[in-house]
Amino acid sequence: MTDLELEKLKYPIGKFDCPNNISQSNIEDWIFILEQFPKRLENLVKNLSNEQLDTVYRPNGWTVRQVVHHVSDSHHHSYTRFKWALTEDKPVIKAYYEDRWADLEDSRTAPIDMSIQHIKAIHFKLVYLLKQLSEHDLNKSFIHPETKKQVVLKENIGMYAWHSNHHYAHIENLLKRNGWI
């Protein structure tokens, strides 16, 4: 496999490219993606066998099961980061080792329904919160401890809409390549 082929498997929809000027339309589109994502993901994975769930989406990548659990963990962190930014002045968030989390026993073996249900709940809460935010709120931010970058909440909405579609594409492309859909 070439480096280019591997990069396409890693980033099937490309890397997140945030517009310089985030419009209200961008925000509404991203919130819509977040609102629809849990059901889309559930429909994509609900009929997969354990063997299919334990298939990696790319060489040296995670299994479908790990991806689903990762999305649950990651989006839970994101929701918390939104809350911190809304209630504190530019808080420094807590980073985590997503690769280590994905390698824990629950991520490798647990039924995906637990994470699908969690994704539904956390997205319901997140979308409800996001729809209430003012322009002032959308411009609040947090600091990522590893990059030292200040992340504005309206940018973070786009990042997690992208993250949803990114991992959806990992799974969908695997299912297509293997003739499972």
C-alpha atoms as a PDB file:
ATOM      1  CA  MET A   1       0.000   0.000   0.000  1.00  0.00           C
ATOM      2  CA  THR A   2       1.364   3.413  -0.945  1.00  0.00           C
ATOM      3  CA  ASP A   3       1.585   6.330   1.461  1.00  0.00           C
ATOM      4  CA  LEU A   4      -1.080   8.129  -0.585  1.00  0.00           C
ATOM      5  CA  GLU A   5      -3.461   5.147  -0.370  1.00  0.00           C
ATOM      6  CA  LEU A   6      -2.910   4.916   3.389  1.00  0.00           C
ATOM      7  CA  GLU A   7      -3.493   8.668   3.785  1.00  0.00           C
ATOM      8  CA  LYS A   8      -6.807   8.311   1.902  1.00  0.00           C
ATOM      9  CA  LEU A   9      -7.841   5.518   4.287  1.00  0.00           C
ATOM     10  CA  LYS A  10      -6.841   7.654   7.298  1.00  0.00           C
ATOM     11  CA  TYR A  11      -8.604  10.795   6.035  1.00  0.00           C
ATOM     12  CA  PRO A  12     -11.352   9.672   3.650  1.00  0.00           C
ATOM     13  CA  ILE A  13     -13.043  13.085   3.696  1.00  0.00           C
ATOM     14  CA  GLY A  14      -9.801  15.050   4.074  1.00  0.00           C
ATOM     15  CA  LYS A  15      -8.599  16.895   7.148  1.00  0.00           C
ATOM     16  CA  PHE A  16     -10.790  19.488   8.841  1.00  0.00           C
ATOM     17  CA  ASP A  17     -10.579  22.791   6.989  1.00  0.00           C
ATOM     18  CA  CYS A  18     -12.286  25.495   8.979  1.00  0.00           C
ATOM     19  CA  PRO A  19     -13.441  28.567   7.075  1.00  0.00           C
ATOM     20  CA  ASN A  20     -11.708  31.799   8.076  1.00  0.00           C
ATOM     21  CA  ASN A  21     -15.073  33.473   8.593  1.00  0.00           C
ATOM     22  CA  ILE A  22     -17.554  31.051  10.126  1.00  0.00           C
ATOM     23  CA  SER A  23     -21.054  32.032   9.053  1.00  0.00           C
ATOM     24  CA  GLN A  24     -24.366  31.360  10.756  1.00  0.00           C
ATOM     25  CA  SER A  25     -25.073  29.018   7.847  1.00  0.00           C
ATOM     26  CA  ASN A  26     -21.884  27.040   8.613  1.00  0.00           C
ATOM     27  CA  ILE A  27     -22.940  26.716  12.250  1.00  0.00           C
ATOM     28  CA  GLU A  28     -26.469  25.610  11.342  1.00  0.00           C
ATOM     29  CA  ASP A  29     -25.122  23.050   8.843  1.00  0.00           C
ATOM     30  CA  TRP A  30     -22.684  21.663  11.419  1.00  0.00           C
ATOM     31  CA  ILE A  31     -25.345  21.433  14.108  1.00  0.00           C
ATOM     32  CA  PHE A  32     -27.595  19.586  11.650  1.00  0.00           C
ATOM     33  CA  ILE A  33     -24.782  17.075  11.009  1.00  0.00           C
ATOM     34  CA  LEU A  34     -24.375  16.567  14.772  1.00  0.00           C
ATOM     35  CA  GLU A  35     -28.124  16.157  15.177  1.00  0.00           C
ATOM     36  CA  GLN A  36     -28.408  13.518  12.441  1.00  0.00           C
ATOM     37  CA  PHE A  37     -25.184  11.653  13.130  1.00  0.00           C
ATOM     38  CA  PRO A  38     -26.293   9.255  15.909  1.00  0.00           C
ATOM     39  CA  LYS A  39     -29.103   7.759  13.815  1.00  0.00           C
ATOM     40  CA  ARG A  40     -26.928   7.608  10.686  1.00  0.00           C
ATOM     41  CA  LEU A  41     -24.197   5.787  12.607  1.00  0.00           C
ATOM     42  CA  GLU A  42     -26.648   3.416  14.252  1.00  0.00           C
ATOM     43  CA  ASN A  43     -28.168   2.534  10.869  1.00  0.00           C
ATOM     44  CA  LEU A  44     -24.716   1.939   9.408  1.00  0.00           C
ATOM     45  CA  VAL A  45     -23.537  -0.501  12.093  1.00  0.00           C
ATOM     46  CA  LYS A  46     -26.678  -2.088  13.534  1.00  0.00           C
ATOM     47  CA  ASN A  47     -26.591  -5.256  11.418  1.00  0.00           C
ATOM     48  CA  LEU A  48     -22.864  -5.944  11.617  1.00  0.00           C
ATOM     49  CA  SER A  49     -21.681  -9.255  13.027  1.00  0.00           C
ATOM     50  CA  ASN A  50     -19.044  -9.456  15.734  1.00  0.00           C
ATOM     51  CA  GLU A  51     -16.537 -10.508  13.076  1.00  0.00           C
ATOM     52  CA  GLN A  52     -17.354  -7.420  11.024  1.00  0.00           C
ATOM     53  CA  LEU A  53     -17.216  -5.182  14.114  1.00  0.00           C
ATOM     54  CA  ASP A  54     -13.772  -6.581  14.882  1.00  0.00           C
ATOM     55  CA  THR A  55     -12.413  -5.753  11.415  1.00  0.00           C
ATOM     56  CA  VAL A  56      -9.948  -2.868  11.114  1.00  0.00           C
ATOM     57  CA  TYR A  57     -10.924  -0.103   8.718  1.00  0.00           C
ATOM     58  CA  ARG A  58      -7.292   0.289   7.558  1.00  0.00           C
ATOM     59  CA  PRO A  59      -3.939  -1.423   8.168  1.00  0.00           C
ATOM     60  CA  ASN A  60      -2.803  -0.741  11.750  1.00  0.00           C
ATOM     61  CA  GLY A  61      -6.083   1.069  12.391  1.00  0.00           C
ATOM     62  CA  TRP A  62      -8.897   0.540  14.817  1.00  0.00           C
ATOM     63  CA  THR A  63     -11.690  -1.960  14.442  1.00  0.00           C
ATOM     64  CA  VAL A  64     -15.213  -0.757  13.710  1.00  0.00           C
ATOM     65  CA  ARG A  65     -16.031  -1.538  17.343  1.00  0.00           C
ATOM     66  CA  GLN A  66     -13.146   0.640  18.561  1.00  0.00           C
ATOM     67  CA  VAL A  67     -14.193   3.467  16.247  1.00  0.00           C
ATOM     68  CA  VAL A  68     -17.739   3.453  17.627  1.00  0.00           C
ATOM     69  CA  HIS A  69     -16.491   3.464  21.226  1.00  0.00           C
ATOM     70  CA  HIS A  70     -13.941   6.174  20.348  1.00  0.00           C
ATOM     71  CA  VAL A  71     -16.655   8.445  18.953  1.00  0.00           C
ATOM     72  CA  SER A  72     -18.607   8.020  22.177  1.00  0.00           C
ATOM     73  CA  ASP A  73     -15.559   8.876  24.306  1.00  0.00           C
ATOM     74  CA  SER A  74     -14.437  11.756  22.103  1.00  0.00           C
ATOM     75  CA  HIS A  75     -17.827  13.407  21.812  1.00  0.00           C
ATOM     76  CA  HIS A  76     -18.333  13.096  25.555  1.00  0.00           C
ATOM     77  CA  HIS A  77     -15.070  15.018  26.006  1.00  0.00           C
ATOM     78  CA  SER A  78     -16.219  17.587  23.466  1.00  0.00           C
ATOM     79  CA  TYR A  79     -19.487  18.200  25.305  1.00  0.00           C
ATOM     80  CA  THR A  80     -17.558  18.749  28.531  1.00  0.00           C
ATOM     81  CA  ARG A  81     -15.193  21.149  26.767  1.00  0.00           C
ATOM     82  CA  PHE A  82     -18.145  23.213  25.532  1.00  0.00           C
ATOM     83  CA  LYS A  83     -19.484  23.420  29.087  1.00  0.00           C
ATOM     84  CA  TRP A  84     -16.102  24.428  30.495  1.00  0.00           C
ATOM     85  CA  ALA A  85     -15.679  27.165  27.887  1.00  0.00           C
ATOM     86  CA  LEU A  86     -19.167  28.479  28.587  1.00  0.00           C
ATOM     87  CA  THR A  87     -18.669  28.602  32.342  1.00  0.00           C
ATOM     88  CA  GLU A  88     -14.991  29.533  32.705  1.00  0.00           C
ATOM     89  CA  ASP A  89     -12.707  32.114  31.127  1.00  0.00           C
ATOM     90  CA  LYS A  90     -10.595  30.357  28.477  1.00  0.00           C
ATOM     91  CA  PRO A  91     -10.084  27.180  30.500  1.00  0.00           C
ATOM     92  CA  VAL A  92      -7.216  24.851  29.746  1.00  0.00           C
ATOM     93  CA  ILE A  93      -8.943  21.575  28.939  1.00  0.00           C
ATOM     94  CA  LYS A  94      -7.783  18.087  29.848  1.00  0.00           C
ATOM     95  CA  ALA A  95      -6.338  16.173  26.924  1.00  0.00           C
ATOM     96  CA  TYR A  96      -6.450  12.392  26.812  1.00  0.00           C
ATOM     97  CA  TYR A  97      -4.642   9.588  24.997  1.00  0.00           C
ATOM     98  CA  GLU A  98      -7.342   8.450  22.587  1.00  0.00           C
ATOM     99  CA  ASP A  99      -5.162   5.596  21.314  1.00  0.00           C
ATOM    100  CA  ARG A 100      -4.778   4.239  24.858  1.00  0.00           C
ATOM    101  CA  TRP A 101      -8.509   4.619  25.509  1.00  0.00           C
ATOM    102  CA  ALA A 102      -9.248   2.719  22.287  1.00  0.00           C
ATOM    103  CA  ASP A 103      -6.963  -0.081  23.435  1.00  0.00           C
ATOM    104  CA  LEU A 104      -8.776  -0.590  26.753  1.00  0.00           C
ATOM    105  CA  GLU A 105     -10.796  -3.764  27.133  1.00  0.00           C
ATOM    106  CA  ASP A 106     -14.196  -2.039  26.909  1.00  0.00           C
ATOM    107  CA  SER A 107     -13.268  -0.374  23.608  1.00  0.00           C
ATOM    108  CA  ARG A 108     -11.945  -3.629  22.171  1.00  0.00           C
ATOM    109  CA  THR A 109     -14.718  -5.983  23.291  1.00  0.00           C
ATOM    110  CA  ALA A 110     -17.851  -4.277  24.637  1.00  0.00           C
ATOM    111  CA  PRO A 111     -21.112  -4.338  22.698  1.00  0.00           C
ATOM    112  CA  ILE A 112     -21.385  -1.225  20.541  1.00  0.00           C
ATOM    113  CA  ASP A 113     -24.975  -0.578  21.589  1.00  0.00           C
ATOM    114  CA  MET A 114     -23.748   0.957  24.841  1.00  0.00           C
ATOM    115  CA  SER A 115     -21.787   3.565  22.893  1.00  0.00           C
ATOM    116  CA  ILE A 116     -24.529   4.066  20.293  1.00  0.00           C
ATOM    117  CA  GLN A 117     -26.947   4.875  23.123  1.00  0.00           C
ATOM    118  CA  HIS A 118     -24.366   7.186  24.710  1.00  0.00           C
ATOM    119  CA  ILE A 119     -23.752   8.957  21.378  1.00  0.00           C
ATOM    120  CA  LYS A 120     -27.508   9.480  21.020  1.00  0.00           C
ATOM    121  CA  ALA A 121     -27.716  10.951  24.515  1.00  0.00           C
ATOM    122  CA  ILE A 122     -24.621  13.139  24.323  1.00  0.00           C
ATOM    123  CA  HIS A 123     -25.573  14.470  20.884  1.00  0.00           C
ATOM    124  CA  PHE A 124     -29.098  15.221  22.086  1.00  0.00           C
ATOM    125  CA  LYS A 125     -27.628  17.230  24.969  1.00  0.00           C
ATOM    126  CA  LEU A 126     -24.956  18.846  22.794  1.00  0.00           C
ATOM    127  CA  VAL A 127     -27.312  19.873  19.994  1.00  0.00           C
ATOM    128  CA  TYR A 128     -29.829  21.250  22.473  1.00  0.00           C
ATOM    129  CA  LEU A 129     -27.062  23.330  24.061  1.00  0.00           C
ATOM    130  CA  LEU A 130     -25.609  24.517  20.744  1.00  0.00           C
ATOM    131  CA  LYS A 131     -28.969  25.706  19.437  1.00  0.00           C
ATOM    132  CA  GLN A 132     -29.272  28.021  22.462  1.00  0.00           C
ATOM    133  CA  LEU A 133     -25.891  29.722  22.122  1.00  0.00           C
ATOM    134  CA  SER A 134     -25.609  33.424  21.385  1.00  0.00           C
ATOM    135  CA  GLU A 135     -22.948  34.942  19.149  1.00  0.00           C
ATOM    136  CA  HIS A 136     -21.133  35.938  22.343  1.00  0.00           C
ATOM    137  CA  ASP A 137     -21.223  32.321  23.553  1.00  0.00           C
ATOM    138  CA  LEU A 138     -20.032  31.000  20.178  1.00  0.00           C
ATOM    139  CA  ASN A 139     -16.941  33.200  20.464  1.00  0.00           C
ATOM    140  CA  LYS A 140     -15.923  31.820  23.853  1.00  0.00           C
ATOM    141  CA  SER A 141     -12.972  29.467  23.791  1.00  0.00           C
ATOM    142  CA  PHE A 142     -10.805  26.940  25.559  1.00  0.00           C
ATOM    143  CA  ILE A 143      -7.079  26.261  25.404  1.00  0.00           C
ATOM    144  CA  HIS A 144      -5.787  22.881  24.274  1.00  0.00           C
ATOM    145  CA  PRO A 145      -2.864  21.931  26.559  1.00  0.00           C
ATOM    146  CA  GLU A 146      -0.835  20.100  23.893  1.00  0.00           C
ATOM    147  CA  THR A 147      -1.060  22.649  21.076  1.00  0.00           C
ATOM    148  CA  LYS A 148      -1.548  25.693  23.325  1.00  0.00           C
ATOM    149  CA  LYS A 149      -4.098  26.703  20.688  1.00  0.00           C
ATOM    150  CA  GLN A 150      -7.156  28.706  21.647  1.00  0.00           C
ATOM    151  CA  VAL A 151     -10.196  26.923  20.199  1.00  0.00           C
ATOM    152  CA  VAL A 152     -13.283  29.065  19.661  1.00  0.00           C
ATOM    153  CA  LEU A 153     -16.545  27.199  20.261  1.00  0.00           C
ATOM    154  CA  LYS A 154     -17.979  27.897  16.804  1.00  0.00           C
ATOM    155  CA  GLU A 155     -14.845  26.301  15.327  1.00  0.00           C
ATOM    156  CA  ASN A 156     -15.235  23.345  17.682  1.00  0.00           C
ATOM    157  CA  ILE A 157     -18.762  22.768  16.364  1.00  0.00           C
ATOM    158  CA  GLY A 158     -17.292  22.393  12.893  1.00  0.00           C
ATOM    159  CA  MET A 159     -14.506  20.149  14.152  1.00  0.00           C
ATOM    160  CA  TYR A 160     -16.970  17.719  15.715  1.00  0.00           C
ATOM    161  CA  ALA A 161     -19.267  17.744  12.694  1.00  0.00           C
ATOM    162  CA  TRP A 162     -16.180  16.856  10.658  1.00  0.00           C
ATOM    163  CA  HIS A 163     -15.144  14.251  13.263  1.00  0.00           C
ATOM    164  CA  SER A 164     -18.564  12.617  12.990  1.00  0.00           C
ATOM    165  CA  ASN A 165     -18.377  12.413   9.190  1.00  0.00           C
ATOM    166  CA  HIS A 166     -14.702  11.385   9.311  1.00  0.00           C
ATOM    167  CA  HIS A 167     -15.345   8.272  11.386  1.00  0.00           C
ATOM    168  CA  TYR A 168     -18.614   7.518   9.598  1.00  0.00           C
ATOM    169  CA  ALA A 169     -16.610   7.449   6.346  1.00  0.00           C
ATOM    170  CA  HIS A 170     -14.027   5.094   7.884  1.00  0.00           C
ATOM    171  CA  ILE A 171     -16.753   2.569   8.609  1.00  0.00           C
ATOM    172  CA  GLU A 172     -18.803   3.133   5.462  1.00  0.00           C
ATOM    173  CA  ASN A 173     -15.771   2.785   3.192  1.00  0.00           C
ATOM    174  CA  LEU A 174     -14.772  -0.473   4.888  1.00  0.00           C
ATOM    175  CA  LEU A 175     -18.287  -1.855   4.438  1.00  0.00           C
ATOM    176  CA  LYS A 176     -18.244  -0.889   0.750  1.00  0.00           C
ATOM    177  CA  ARG A 177     -14.755  -2.319   0.140  1.00  0.00           C
ATOM    178  CA  ASN A 178     -15.793  -5.617   1.707  1.00  0.00           C
ATOM    179  CA  GLY A 179     -19.152  -5.753  -0.068  1.00  0.00           C
ATOM    180  CA  TRP A 180     -21.068  -5.612   3.223  1.00  0.00           C
ATOM    181  CA  ILE A 181     -23.422  -2.892   1.947  1.00  0.00           C
END
